Amino acid sequence: MRTLVHTSAPALPWAEVQAPGRAVCYALLERGAAELGARLHRAGVGPHGMVPFGYRAPVFPGARRRRGVYAAGGRGYVDLGSPLPEVIEGWARGLAQMPVIAWGATALIVDHVEVREAPDFRSGRALFRTVTPVVMKTSGRDDAGRRTTRQAWCLPGEPEWDVFMQANLRRKAETLGLDPDVSLDAVTWVGPKRSFQVASANGPGGKKPGACVEVEVSGPPETLAALHAWGLGQANAAGMGWIGSQR
């Protein structure tokens, strides 16, 4: 779903580009589906305890770009997504009661809400390109099987990334009770490494590194539609791995 907004703020602080979105998502659920929001926050969904939603930070297409600044001002939008209809419905009810979104210290005035239909994946194939970095943790073990680090952040093209991305796709399908026969077929583009300040279930979550990617994925149409609404990689509930386009 897309929420059209406007603001007089000329920019967003970099520390508040991604991080406030998680709290906004839960605040909307608190107003529109309180029991569901509490359950997601407490335990997630399904056998893996995952939280099936994602979002994109506010975008202001008409704002004047300035080097080193996340430009804001004027009309823009915030995208929220989930493969669970009850989450979308809860957000819509919450937005009906919330004329102003507090995105960190920035006030976003709500103008209109659009609920968008999922793309058609009847071919069983999709080309997903993200507009926020995909983050992925791997085993943290060396070639001998010894654990060398607890924070084993991995970028596309590095050892284990494809394996862990494939496993993440299948865990998401299992979480939703969908056919998990989904495959990462190719990585067709990788953007530069970027890090964003994010929030976690227990408060500030530090910076997570990753890179935007374009990937070819195949699988059952319903599973592909769910992935499109959720995002790629880990930390989707912190705004990472948001899919901005698909074919």
Protein backbone atom coordinates (compact mmCIF):
# COMPACT_ATOMS: atom_id res chain seq x y z
CA MET A 1 0.00 0.00 0.00
CA ARG A 2 1.12 3.54 -0.74
CA THR A 3 0.45 6.49 1.56
CA LEU A 4 0.66 9.87 -0.16
CA VAL A 5 2.02 12.53 2.20
CA HIS A 6 3.46 16.02 2.27
CA THR A 7 5.85 17.82 4.60
CA SER A 8 7.54 21.17 5.02
CA ALA A 9 10.76 19.55 6.28
CA PRO A 10 13.59 20.12 3.75
CA ALA A 11 15.45 16.92 4.64
CA LEU A 12 15.46 13.81 6.80
CA PRO A 13 18.41 13.19 9.13
CA TRP A 14 20.32 10.15 7.86
CA ALA A 15 19.78 8.38 11.18
CA GLU A 16 16.01 8.78 10.64
CA VAL A 17 15.72 7.66 7.03
CA GLN A 18 15.00 3.98 7.72
CA ALA A 19 14.84 3.61 11.50
CA PRO A 20 11.43 5.21 12.33
CA GLY A 21 9.50 2.98 9.92
CA ARG A 22 9.36 -0.05 12.19
CA ALA A 23 7.73 1.97 14.97
CA VAL A 24 5.32 3.56 12.47
CA CYS A 25 4.23 0.11 11.24
CA TYR A 26 3.54 -1.09 14.77
CA ALA A 27 1.85 2.18 15.78
CA LEU A 28 -0.58 1.80 12.89
CA LEU A 29 -1.30 -1.79 13.89
CA GLU A 30 -1.83 -0.72 17.48
CA ARG A 31 -4.63 1.54 16.25
CA GLY A 32 -6.05 -0.74 13.57
CA ALA A 33 -5.32 -4.33 14.69
CA ALA A 34 -3.89 -4.19 18.20
CA GLU A 35 -3.95 -7.90 18.96
CA LEU A 36 -2.27 -8.77 15.67
CA GLY A 37 0.41 -6.12 16.15
CA ALA A 38 1.17 -7.35 19.66
CA ARG A 39 1.43 -10.94 18.43
CA LEU A 40 3.77 -10.04 15.59
CA HIS A 41 5.97 -8.00 17.92
CA ARG A 42 6.08 -10.75 20.53
CA ALA A 43 6.56 -13.89 18.46
CA GLY A 44 6.34 -13.26 14.73
CA VAL A 45 4.54 -15.79 12.53
CA GLY A 46 4.92 -19.45 11.68
CA PRO A 47 7.64 -21.98 12.48
CA HIS A 48 10.51 -19.50 12.09
CA GLY A 49 9.02 -16.59 14.07
CA MET A 50 9.42 -14.18 11.15
CA VAL A 51 7.66 -10.81 10.89
CA PRO A 52 6.09 -10.61 7.42
CA PHE A 53 6.08 -6.97 6.53
CA GLY A 54 8.38 -4.38 5.02
CA TYR A 55 8.43 -0.75 4.04
CA ARG A 56 10.23 1.90 2.06
CA ALA A 57 11.35 5.14 3.70
CA PRO A 58 9.60 8.35 2.55
CA VAL A 59 10.34 9.41 -1.02
CA PHE A 60 9.89 12.99 -2.26
CA PRO A 61 10.25 12.96 -6.07
CA GLY A 62 10.07 16.76 -6.41
CA ALA A 63 12.54 17.62 -3.65
CA ARG A 64 15.73 19.36 -4.74
CA ARG A 65 18.65 16.94 -4.49
CA ARG A 66 21.64 18.06 -2.46
CA ARG A 67 24.88 16.20 -1.99
CA GLY A 68 25.10 14.39 1.34
CA VAL A 69 21.48 15.12 2.26
CA TYR A 70 18.36 12.93 2.16
CA ALA A 71 16.11 15.44 0.42
CA ALA A 72 12.52 15.93 1.57
CA GLY A 73 9.88 18.62 1.21
CA GLY A 74 6.62 18.91 -0.68
CA ARG A 75 4.62 15.88 -1.77
CA GLY A 76 5.90 12.36 -1.40
CA TYR A 77 4.92 8.86 -0.41
CA VAL A 78 5.63 6.01 2.00
CA ASP A 79 5.24 2.40 0.86
CA LEU A 80 4.25 -0.38 3.26
CA GLY A 81 3.89 -4.02 2.29
CA SER A 82 2.86 -7.38 3.70
CA PRO A 83 1.71 -10.70 2.27
CA LEU A 84 -0.87 -10.90 5.10
CA PRO A 85 -4.18 -9.18 4.19
CA GLU A 86 -4.95 -8.66 7.87
CA VAL A 87 -1.80 -6.55 8.26
CA ILE A 88 -2.75 -4.36 5.28
CA GLU A 89 -6.27 -3.96 6.66
CA GLY A 90 -4.91 -3.04 10.09
CA TRP A 91 -2.62 -0.41 8.61
CA ALA A 92 -5.49 1.06 6.57
CA ARG A 93 -7.66 1.35 9.70
CA GLY A 94 -4.76 2.89 11.59
CA LEU A 95 -4.10 5.47 8.89
CA ALA A 96 -7.77 6.44 8.91
CA GLN A 97 -7.20 7.55 12.53
CA MET A 98 -3.75 9.07 12.04
CA PRO A 99 -3.75 12.26 9.92
CA VAL A 100 -0.07 12.89 10.72
CA ILE A 101 2.71 10.28 10.68
CA ALA A 102 5.62 11.02 13.02
CA TRP A 103 8.60 9.75 11.03
CA GLY A 104 11.15 10.33 13.74
CA ALA A 105 11.16 14.09 14.30
CA THR A 106 9.56 14.78 10.91
CA ALA A 107 5.80 15.28 10.54
CA LEU A 108 4.32 13.71 7.41
CA ILE A 109 0.78 14.91 6.67
CA VAL A 110 -1.35 12.07 5.26
CA ASP A 111 -3.15 13.02 2.05
CA HIS A 112 -4.39 9.72 0.61
CA VAL A 113 -3.97 5.97 0.95
CA GLU A 114 -3.81 3.60 -2.02
CA VAL A 115 -4.08 -0.17 -1.56
CA ARG A 116 -2.34 -1.78 -4.52
CA GLU A 117 -2.95 -5.19 -6.05
CA ALA A 118 -0.11 -7.71 -6.23
CA PRO A 119 1.51 -8.17 -9.66
CA ASP A 120 0.65 -11.22 -11.72
CA PHE A 121 3.31 -13.93 -11.52
CA ARG A 122 1.46 -16.62 -13.46
CA SER A 123 4.61 -17.33 -15.49
CA GLY A 124 6.31 -18.60 -12.34
CA ARG A 125 9.25 -16.26 -12.87
CA ALA A 126 10.11 -12.80 -11.56
CA LEU A 127 12.90 -10.26 -11.83
CA PHE A 128 13.04 -8.35 -8.53
CA ARG A 129 15.11 -5.17 -8.03
CA THR A 130 15.37 -3.66 -4.56
CA VAL A 131 15.56 0.02 -3.73
CA THR A 132 16.88 -0.48 -0.21
CA PRO A 133 19.91 -2.65 0.60
CA VAL A 134 19.47 -6.38 1.04
CA VAL A 135 21.15 -7.48 4.25
CA MET A 136 22.20 -11.02 4.99
CA LYS A 137 23.98 -12.76 7.83
CA THR A 138 25.80 -15.99 7.13
CA SER A 139 27.35 -18.71 9.28
CA GLY A 140 30.42 -16.73 10.36
CA ARG A 141 32.54 -19.85 9.86
CA ASP A 142 35.78 -20.17 7.93
CA ASP A 143 36.66 -22.88 5.40
CA ALA A 144 37.58 -25.21 8.25
CA GLY A 145 34.17 -24.80 9.86
CA ARG A 146 35.39 -22.65 12.74
CA ARG A 147 33.19 -19.74 13.81
CA THR A 148 35.21 -16.55 13.35
CA THR A 149 32.59 -13.86 14.04
CA ARG A 150 29.08 -13.37 15.38
CA GLN A 151 28.29 -10.48 13.00
CA ALA A 152 28.82 -12.28 9.71
CA TRP A 153 27.35 -9.70 7.36
CA CYS A 154 27.65 -10.84 3.77
CA LEU A 155 27.29 -8.95 0.48
CA PRO A 156 26.10 -10.31 -2.87
CA GLY A 157 28.90 -12.11 -4.66
CA GLU A 158 30.61 -13.16 -1.44
CA PRO A 159 30.77 -16.81 -0.32
CA GLU A 160 27.52 -18.17 1.16
CA TRP A 161 25.34 -15.20 0.09
CA ASP A 162 23.43 -17.16 -2.55
CA VAL A 163 22.98 -20.12 -0.21
CA PHE A 164 21.60 -18.05 2.62
CA MET A 165 19.39 -15.99 0.28
CA GLN A 166 17.91 -19.21 -1.11
CA ALA A 167 17.22 -20.47 2.41
CA ASN A 168 15.62 -17.14 3.35
CA LEU A 169 13.21 -17.34 0.39
CA ARG A 170 12.11 -20.81 1.43
CA ARG A 171 11.73 -19.91 5.11
CA LYS A 172 9.45 -17.04 4.11
CA ALA A 173 7.26 -19.40 2.09
CA GLU A 174 7.14 -21.88 4.99
CA THR A 175 6.24 -19.05 7.38
CA LEU A 176 3.19 -18.24 5.27
CA GLY A 177 2.19 -21.86 4.65
CA LEU A 178 2.94 -21.53 0.92
CA ASP A 179 4.75 -23.83 -1.49
CA PRO A 180 8.48 -23.42 -0.64
CA ASP A 181 9.69 -24.68 -4.03
CA VAL A 182 11.15 -21.26 -4.87
CA SER A 183 14.58 -20.77 -6.40
CA LEU A 184 17.13 -17.98 -6.65
CA ASP A 185 18.20 -18.42 -10.27
CA ALA A 186 20.57 -15.51 -10.86
CA VAL A 187 21.88 -12.24 -9.47
CA THR A 188 21.79 -9.83 -12.43
CA TRP A 189 22.87 -6.56 -10.78
CA VAL A 190 24.48 -5.45 -7.52
CA GLY A 191 24.56 -1.86 -6.28
CA PRO A 192 27.21 -0.27 -4.06
CA LYS A 193 27.55 -1.25 -0.43
CA ARG A 194 25.45 0.95 1.86
CA SER A 195 24.62 1.02 5.58
CA PHE A 196 21.54 2.42 7.28
CA GLN A 197 20.65 3.02 10.90
CA VAL A 198 17.72 0.74 11.73
CA ALA A 199 15.52 -0.11 14.69
CA SER A 200 15.05 -3.56 16.21
CA ALA A 201 12.39 -5.21 18.35
CA ASN A 202 14.27 -4.05 21.46
CA GLY A 203 15.04 -0.48 20.40
CA PRO A 204 17.98 0.95 18.42
CA GLY A 205 19.45 -1.69 16.15
CA GLY A 206 22.64 -0.06 14.94
CA LYS A 207 23.70 0.02 11.31
CA LYS A 208 23.11 -2.85 8.93
CA PRO A 209 25.26 -3.13 5.78
CA GLY A 210 24.07 -4.46 2.47
CA ALA A 211 23.57 -3.67 -1.19
CA CYS A 212 20.62 -3.24 -3.51
CA VAL A 213 20.28 -6.16 -5.91
CA GLU A 214 18.37 -7.40 -8.91
CA VAL A 215 17.64 -11.12 -8.88
CA GLU A 216 15.85 -13.67 -11.00
CA VAL A 217 13.55 -15.86 -8.94
CA SER A 218 11.26 -18.71 -9.96
CA GLY A 219 8.53 -20.51 -8.07
CA PRO A 220 4.79 -20.82 -7.58
CA PRO A 221 2.93 -17.59 -8.47
CA GLU A 222 1.39 -17.22 -5.01
CA THR A 223 4.81 -17.56 -3.38
CA LEU A 224 6.37 -14.98 -5.71
CA ALA A 225 3.53 -12.53 -4.98
CA ALA A 226 4.10 -12.98 -1.24
CA LEU A 227 7.85 -12.34 -1.60
CA HIS A 228 7.15 -9.21 -3.64
CA ALA A 229 4.97 -7.84 -0.84
CA TRP A 230 7.46 -8.78 1.88
CA GLY A 231 10.97 -8.07 0.51
CA LEU A 232 14.30 -9.80 0.01
CA GLY A 233 16.83 -10.85 2.60
CA GLN A 234 16.68 -10.16 6.31
CA ALA A 235 15.52 -7.14 8.35
CA ASN A 236 12.55 -6.38 6.10
CA ALA A 237 10.63 -5.12 9.14
CA ALA A 238 13.44 -2.56 9.49
CA GLY A 239 12.94 -1.37 5.90
CA MET A 240 15.69 -3.38 4.22
CA GLY A 241 15.31 -5.33 0.99
CA TRP A 242 12.26 -3.43 -0.29
CA ILE A 243 11.41 -4.46 -3.85
CA GLY A 244 10.86 -1.37 -5.94
CA SER A 245 10.28 -2.97 -9.33
CA GLN A 246 9.55 -6.36 -10.81
CA ARG A 247 9.12 -7.98 -14.18
